[in-house]
Protein backbone atom coordinates (compact mmCIF):
# COMPACT_ATOMS: atom_id res chain seq x y z
CA MET A 1 -27.73 1.89 -3.85
CA LYS A 2 -25.62 1.55 -0.68
CA LEU A 3 -23.77 4.11 1.40
CA LEU A 4 -20.97 2.56 3.47
CA SER A 5 -19.35 4.44 6.36
CA ASP A 6 -15.76 4.08 7.46
CA THR A 7 -16.95 2.29 10.60
CA GLN A 8 -18.76 -0.33 8.50
CA ILE A 9 -15.76 -0.80 6.20
CA LYS A 10 -13.29 -1.16 9.06
CA LYS A 11 -15.47 -3.64 10.95
CA HIS A 12 -15.82 -5.79 7.85
CA LEU A 13 -12.14 -5.76 6.93
CA LEU A 14 -11.04 -6.62 10.47
CA SER A 15 -13.00 -9.88 10.14
CA ILE A 16 -11.08 -11.06 7.05
CA THR A 17 -9.62 -14.57 7.20
CA LYS A 18 -6.60 -15.99 5.41
CA ASP A 19 -8.87 -18.01 3.11
CA GLN A 20 -10.91 -14.93 2.19
CA LEU A 21 -7.73 -13.05 1.38
CA GLU A 22 -6.53 -15.81 -0.92
CA GLN A 23 -9.85 -16.73 -2.52
CA THR A 24 -11.68 -13.39 -2.77
CA TYR A 25 -9.56 -10.29 -2.18
CA LEU A 26 -6.38 -11.22 -4.03
CA PRO A 27 -8.22 -12.46 -7.17
CA ARG A 28 -10.31 -9.28 -7.31
CA PHE A 29 -7.22 -7.15 -6.83
CA GLU A 30 -5.34 -9.06 -9.53
CA GLN A 31 -8.27 -8.54 -11.91
CA ALA A 32 -7.94 -4.79 -11.36
CA LEU A 33 -4.24 -4.93 -12.21
CA GLN A 34 -4.85 -7.05 -15.30
CA ASP A 35 -7.51 -4.65 -16.58
CA TYR A 36 -5.15 -1.72 -16.03
CA GLU A 37 -2.21 -3.47 -17.70
CA ALA A 38 -4.37 -4.39 -20.71
CA ASN A 39 -5.36 -0.74 -21.18
CA PRO A 40 -3.75 1.92 -18.95
CA ASN A 41 -6.11 4.49 -20.48
CA VAL A 42 -8.90 3.20 -18.23
CA VAL A 43 -7.16 5.26 -15.50
CA PRO A 44 -6.78 8.79 -16.88
CA GLU A 45 -4.57 11.38 -15.21
CA ARG A 46 -6.00 12.64 -11.95
CA THR A 47 -7.31 16.20 -11.63
CA VAL A 48 -5.88 18.28 -8.79
CA LEU A 49 -7.69 21.47 -7.78
CA THR A 50 -7.23 23.93 -4.92
CA SER A 51 -10.38 25.08 -3.17
CA ASN A 52 -11.75 28.49 -4.21
CA TYR A 53 -13.45 28.93 -0.84
CA PRO A 54 -12.15 32.22 0.67
CA GLY A 55 -9.02 31.69 2.78
CA CYS A 56 -8.99 27.92 2.18
CA ASP A 57 -6.00 25.98 0.84
CA THR A 58 -7.66 22.56 0.71
CA THR A 59 -6.53 20.39 -2.20
CA HIS A 60 -9.13 18.25 -3.95
CA LEU A 61 -8.06 15.22 -6.01
CA PHE A 62 -10.43 13.63 -8.54
CA MET A 63 -9.39 10.18 -9.79
CA PRO A 64 -11.72 8.53 -12.34
CA CYS A 65 -11.66 5.02 -13.74
CA ALA A 66 -13.60 3.39 -16.57
CA ALA A 67 -12.47 -0.24 -16.56
CA PRO A 68 -14.31 -3.18 -18.15
CA HIS A 69 -15.52 -4.61 -14.85
CA SER A 70 -16.10 -1.43 -12.88
CA VAL A 71 -16.56 2.30 -13.38
CA GLY A 72 -16.31 5.05 -10.81
CA THR A 73 -14.29 7.83 -9.28
CA LYS A 74 -12.42 8.52 -6.09
CA VAL A 75 -12.34 11.97 -4.51
CA ILE A 76 -9.87 12.86 -1.75
CA SER A 77 -9.45 16.24 -0.01
CA GLY A 78 -6.98 17.55 2.52
CA GLY A 79 -5.09 20.61 3.69
CA SER A 80 -4.40 22.85 6.67
CA TYR A 81 -8.11 23.19 7.56
CA ASN A 82 -8.38 19.42 7.94
CA SER A 83 -5.15 19.26 9.93
CA GLN A 84 -6.26 22.01 12.31
CA ASN A 85 -9.54 20.20 12.90
CA ASP A 86 -7.94 16.75 13.24
CA LEU A 87 -9.80 15.48 10.18
CA GLY A 88 -6.94 14.10 8.10
CA PHE A 89 -7.78 13.33 4.49
CA GLN A 90 -11.48 13.06 3.68
CA GLY A 91 -12.97 11.31 0.69
CA PHE A 92 -15.13 8.67 -0.92
CA THR A 93 -15.23 6.26 -3.83
CA ALA A 94 -18.35 6.15 -5.99
CA VAL A 95 -19.09 3.04 -8.07
CA LEU A 96 -21.32 3.08 -11.17
CA ASP A 97 -22.95 0.41 -13.26
CA PRO A 98 -20.52 0.11 -16.23
CA ARG A 99 -23.43 -0.21 -18.68
CA SER A 100 -26.03 2.31 -17.50
CA GLY A 101 -24.01 4.65 -15.31
CA GLN A 102 -26.45 4.20 -12.43
CA LEU A 103 -24.88 4.85 -9.03
CA LEU A 104 -24.39 1.51 -7.26
CA GLY A 105 -23.00 3.03 -4.09
CA ALA A 106 -20.51 5.26 -2.34
CA VAL A 107 -17.86 4.07 0.11
CA ASN A 108 -15.91 6.13 2.63
CA ALA A 109 -12.30 6.19 1.40
CA LYS A 110 -10.37 6.54 4.68
CA THR A 111 -9.81 2.91 5.69
CA LEU A 112 -10.34 1.48 2.22
CA THR A 113 -7.47 3.56 0.77
CA ALA A 114 -5.07 2.23 3.40
CA PHE A 115 -6.35 -1.31 2.94
CA ARG A 116 -6.04 -1.40 -0.86
CA THR A 117 -2.48 -0.08 -0.69
CA ALA A 118 -1.60 -2.67 1.95
CA LEU A 119 -3.23 -5.35 -0.23
CA ALA A 120 -0.97 -4.31 -3.13
CA SER A 121 2.15 -4.78 -0.97
CA PHE A 122 0.73 -7.97 0.50
CA SER A 123 0.01 -9.49 -2.92
CA ALA A 124 3.72 -9.35 -3.78
CA ILE A 125 4.77 -10.70 -0.38
CA TRP A 126 2.21 -13.51 -0.64
CA LYS A 127 3.57 -14.47 -4.06
CA LEU A 128 7.15 -14.47 -2.75
CA LEU A 129 6.58 -16.23 0.58
CA LYS A 130 3.36 -18.27 0.45
CA ASP A 131 5.12 -21.60 -0.18
CA SER A 132 7.26 -21.27 2.94
CA ASP A 133 6.07 -23.03 6.10
CA THR A 134 8.70 -21.30 8.23
CA ALA A 135 7.46 -18.78 10.76
CA ILE A 136 8.58 -15.19 10.16
CA GLU A 137 10.82 -14.20 13.05
CA GLN A 138 10.36 -10.45 12.75
CA VAL A 139 8.46 -7.83 10.77
CA THR A 140 9.31 -4.13 11.02
CA VAL A 141 7.03 -1.27 10.02
CA ILE A 142 8.25 2.32 9.71
CA GLY A 143 5.34 4.70 10.31
CA THR A 144 2.24 4.57 12.49
CA GLY A 145 -0.74 5.67 10.39
CA PRO A 146 -3.57 3.55 8.94
CA GLN A 147 -1.28 2.36 6.12
CA ALA A 148 1.16 0.95 8.68
CA PHE A 149 -1.61 -0.78 10.61
CA TRP A 150 -3.16 -2.51 7.58
CA HIS A 151 0.20 -3.64 6.18
CA VAL A 152 0.95 -5.38 9.47
CA PHE A 153 -2.61 -6.67 9.82
CA LEU A 154 -2.62 -8.49 6.48
CA VAL A 155 0.72 -10.18 7.13
CA LEU A 156 -0.47 -11.31 10.56
CA ARG A 157 -3.63 -12.74 9.00
CA ALA A 158 -1.70 -14.80 6.45
CA PHE A 159 1.59 -15.80 8.12
CA LYS A 160 2.95 -16.98 11.44
CA VAL A 161 4.86 -13.97 12.79
CA LYS A 162 6.79 -14.03 16.05
CA LYS A 163 7.45 -10.31 16.52
CA VAL A 164 6.43 -6.94 15.07
CA VAL A 165 8.72 -3.93 15.52
CA VAL A 166 7.28 -0.42 15.05
CA LEU A 167 9.60 2.49 14.25
CA SER A 168 8.30 6.05 14.28
CA ARG A 169 9.41 9.64 14.75
CA SER A 170 8.64 9.20 18.44
CA GLU A 171 8.55 6.14 20.67
CA GLU A 172 5.16 7.31 21.99
CA SER A 173 3.48 7.11 18.57
CA ALA A 174 5.15 3.74 17.95
CA GLN A 175 3.70 2.44 21.22
CA LYS A 176 0.26 3.63 20.14
CA LEU A 177 0.40 1.48 16.99
CA CYS A 178 1.66 -1.46 19.05
CA LYS A 179 -1.46 -1.12 21.17
CA GLU A 180 -3.69 -1.11 18.06
CA ILE A 181 -1.94 -4.23 16.77
CA GLY A 182 -2.40 -5.88 20.16
CA GLU A 183 -6.15 -5.37 19.92
CA VAL A 184 -6.35 -7.63 16.84
CA ASP A 185 -3.49 -10.09 17.39
CA SER A 186 -1.45 -11.52 20.26
CA VAL A 187 1.90 -11.13 18.45
CA GLU A 188 4.82 -9.72 20.46
CA THR A 189 5.49 -6.05 19.66
CA GLU A 190 8.31 -3.55 20.25
CA ALA A 191 8.30 0.24 19.80
CA PHE A 192 11.26 2.50 19.04
CA ALA A 193 11.96 5.97 17.68
CA ASN A 194 13.55 6.12 14.21
CA SER A 195 16.50 7.90 15.76
CA SER A 196 17.11 5.03 18.17
CA CYS A 197 20.51 3.37 17.92
CA VAL A 198 18.75 0.01 17.51
CA ALA A 199 16.62 1.04 14.48
CA GLY A 200 19.18 -0.19 11.94
CA GLU A 201 19.62 -3.48 13.79
CA LYS A 202 15.84 -4.06 13.90
CA ILE A 203 15.51 -3.44 10.17
CA ARG A 204 18.50 -5.67 9.36
CA LYS A 205 17.00 -8.59 11.30
CA SER A 206 13.51 -8.33 9.77
CA ALA A 207 12.32 -10.64 6.99
CA ILE A 208 9.69 -8.05 5.98
CA VAL A 209 10.14 -4.29 6.27
CA PHE A 210 7.23 -1.95 5.50
CA GLY A 211 8.04 1.66 4.65
CA CYS A 212 4.94 3.73 5.44
CA SER A 213 6.49 7.10 6.26
CA PRO A 214 6.45 10.20 3.98
CA SER A 215 10.12 10.99 4.40
CA THR A 216 12.49 13.18 2.39
CA GLU A 217 15.55 11.40 3.81
CA PRO A 218 16.14 7.63 3.71
CA THR A 219 14.68 5.91 6.77
CA ILE A 220 16.21 2.68 5.46
CA LYS A 221 19.89 3.42 4.97
CA LYS A 222 21.85 1.08 2.73
CA GLU A 223 23.86 -0.18 5.72
CA PHE A 224 20.57 -1.30 7.34
CA VAL A 225 19.93 -3.86 4.59
CA ASN A 226 20.75 -7.47 5.40
CA ARG A 227 23.47 -8.84 3.10
CA ASP A 228 23.32 -12.52 4.10
CA PRO A 229 22.28 -14.49 0.96
CA ALA A 230 20.69 -17.14 3.18
CA PHE A 231 18.33 -14.53 4.69
CA PHE A 232 15.39 -13.56 2.45
CA GLN A 233 14.33 -9.94 3.07
CA VAL A 234 11.47 -8.00 1.45
CA PHE A 235 11.14 -4.21 1.53
CA ALA A 236 7.63 -2.99 0.67
CA LEU A 237 7.56 0.79 0.30
CA ILE A 238 4.52 3.08 0.03
CA GLY A 239 5.54 6.25 1.87
CA SER A 240 7.33 8.13 -0.93
CA TYR A 241 4.88 9.44 -3.51
CA LYS A 242 6.77 12.47 -4.87
CA PRO A 243 10.19 12.61 -6.60
CA HIS A 244 11.85 14.36 -3.64
CA MET A 245 10.59 11.76 -1.13
CA VAL A 246 12.51 8.58 -0.29
CA GLU A 247 12.39 5.74 2.23
CA LEU A 248 14.98 3.28 0.92
CA ASP A 249 18.40 4.76 0.15
CA PRO A 250 18.42 5.53 -3.63
CA GLN A 251 22.10 4.63 -3.76
CA PHE A 252 21.23 1.08 -2.70
CA VAL A 253 18.65 0.90 -5.49
CA LYS A 254 21.13 2.25 -8.06
CA ASP A 255 23.93 -0.09 -6.95
CA ASN A 256 21.80 -3.24 -7.00
CA PHE A 257 18.86 -3.02 -9.40
CA PHE A 258 20.33 -3.16 -12.89
CA GLY A 259 20.68 -5.81 -15.57
CA GLU A 260 18.47 -8.77 -14.76
CA TYR A 261 17.59 -7.58 -11.24
CA LYS A 262 14.27 -5.71 -10.99
CA VAL A 263 12.17 -3.70 -8.53
CA ILE A 264 8.54 -4.86 -8.28
CA VAL A 265 6.05 -2.01 -8.93
CA ASP A 266 2.31 -1.62 -9.31
CA SER A 267 2.71 0.73 -12.29
CA LYS A 268 5.95 1.36 -14.18
CA GLU A 269 4.73 4.69 -15.54
CA HIS A 270 3.47 6.06 -12.23
CA THR A 271 6.35 4.86 -10.04
CA LEU A 272 8.97 6.27 -12.43
CA ALA A 273 7.20 9.63 -12.25
CA GLU A 274 6.40 9.71 -8.54
CA ALA A 275 8.67 7.42 -6.48
CA GLY A 276 11.79 9.17 -5.19
CA GLU A 277 13.74 5.92 -4.84
CA LEU A 278 13.38 5.30 -8.58
CA VAL A 279 13.64 8.91 -9.76
CA GLN A 280 16.77 9.70 -7.74
CA SER A 281 18.46 6.41 -8.63
CA GLU A 282 17.71 7.11 -12.32
CA ARG A 283 15.97 3.78 -12.89
CA THR A 284 14.04 3.13 -16.11
CA GLU A 285 11.35 0.68 -17.19
CA LYS A 286 13.97 -1.99 -17.90
CA ASN A 287 14.83 -1.99 -14.17
CA LEU A 288 11.24 -2.75 -13.14
CA VAL A 289 8.80 -5.63 -13.24
CA SER A 290 5.06 -5.04 -12.91
CA LEU A 291 3.09 -6.57 -10.07
CA THR A 292 0.71 -7.91 -12.72
CA ASP A 293 3.50 -9.90 -14.37
CA LEU A 294 4.80 -11.12 -11.01
CA LEU A 295 1.39 -12.43 -9.94
CA GLY A 296 0.77 -13.93 -13.38
CA ASP A 297 4.16 -15.70 -13.48
CA LYS A 298 5.21 -13.60 -16.48
CA ALA A 299 7.99 -11.61 -14.83
CA GLN A 300 11.18 -11.38 -16.87
CA GLY A 301 14.41 -11.08 -14.93
CA ARG A 302 14.98 -11.61 -11.23
CA VAL A 303 13.17 -9.90 -8.35
CA LYS A 304 15.50 -11.32 -5.68
CA LEU A 305 19.06 -10.00 -5.43
CA PRO A 306 21.99 -12.38 -4.80
CA SER A 307 22.01 -10.93 -1.27
CA GLY A 308 18.46 -12.26 -0.73
CA VAL A 309 16.70 -8.87 -0.96
CA SER A 310 13.51 -8.01 -2.88
CA VAL A 311 12.02 -4.51 -3.16
CA VAL A 312 8.35 -3.69 -3.80
CA LYS A 313 7.33 -0.08 -4.58
CA ILE A 314 3.63 0.86 -4.57
CA VAL A 315 2.12 4.25 -5.46
CA GLY A 316 -1.51 3.17 -5.87
CA LEU A 317 -4.02 3.43 -8.73
CA SER A 318 -7.65 4.55 -8.71
CA ILE A 319 -8.67 1.25 -10.34
CA MET A 320 -7.66 -0.47 -7.09
CA ASP A 321 -10.05 1.79 -5.17
CA ILE A 322 -12.94 1.21 -7.57
CA TYR A 323 -12.59 -2.58 -7.58
CA MET A 324 -12.20 -2.79 -3.80
CA ALA A 325 -15.13 -0.41 -3.26
CA GLN A 326 -17.28 -2.59 -5.51
CA LEU A 327 -16.26 -5.64 -3.48
CA MET A 328 -17.28 -3.80 -0.30
CA LEU A 329 -20.67 -2.95 -1.79
CA GLU A 330 -21.16 -6.63 -2.62
CA SER A 331 -19.94 -7.93 0.75
CA VAL A 332 -21.01 -5.50 3.49
CA GLU A 333 -24.57 -5.80 4.76
CA ALA A 334 -26.25 -2.40 4.58
CA PRO A 335 -29.74 -1.08 3.71
CA GLN A 336 -30.41 0.07 0.18
CA VAL A 337 -30.91 3.82 -0.27
CA ASP A 338 -33.48 5.11 -2.77
CA PHE A 339 -31.61 7.39 -5.18
CA ASP A 340 -34.22 7.70 -7.93
């Protein structure tokens, strides 16, 4: 059995190459999606409990998975106690032998959660853009947390990017992420506050826009979207995970994604229940195409609007965590721990 710390996970993932992404990580991720699509019951509804410790409001989330190729559970906890102590969310993913139930290992969930979500967004972008040899002029990310970093990191690993723009609530936090990006890549970076008068212009001129901010008001207003059919633009959104939360203007979604035009999602059921952009725009399953079908060339309808825009909405599934954690246990060098 292995125990992998966040430091070990982060060090390993920062060494990923483009070839490893294409040949190892994306196939494993796609296998997770295929197993989920074949039987969604392998990912039962998560259990959410509030701590019974006196005076504590910490929320504990338990997310099991019993898929054909991997079995395990992810546990995440967070609340005011963690915030006051600068801990953020804490958690781990445990992986079991699918036959015997023996514990194969436990992996710190902090970096791996951000990475697997970024990999979900990246898988769609890779499918849409991998055949293009043209350098990407500009990528914009809204948000500055680990999710934002790993979304940018994966694109930089796989594509030629000339500039990355970071938008955040404050220019100071945006500059901090620019510094982190600069430590792993020499790409040109710019930092602005969301409220800046140039924010809309930066979004409009970006071929890829990552939404990684838990906002209740659209950070991507419909007038920020590029309308030039000759300019291909992808919005990959992960920040809204409750019905009242939105990043992309729901009116834009309602006005454009109907008939044959579809939003790309990791799970139709979960996004329709959790993603504010889809809930508030009153979209249904017929307005969506699954990431599994997109990657498997089975998508029905069009995922690119006449204006050149595609939208990807990711909420995340525990099966992604289990499969990625198992890959970490196979790939990261670490001593075995006696658990008998």
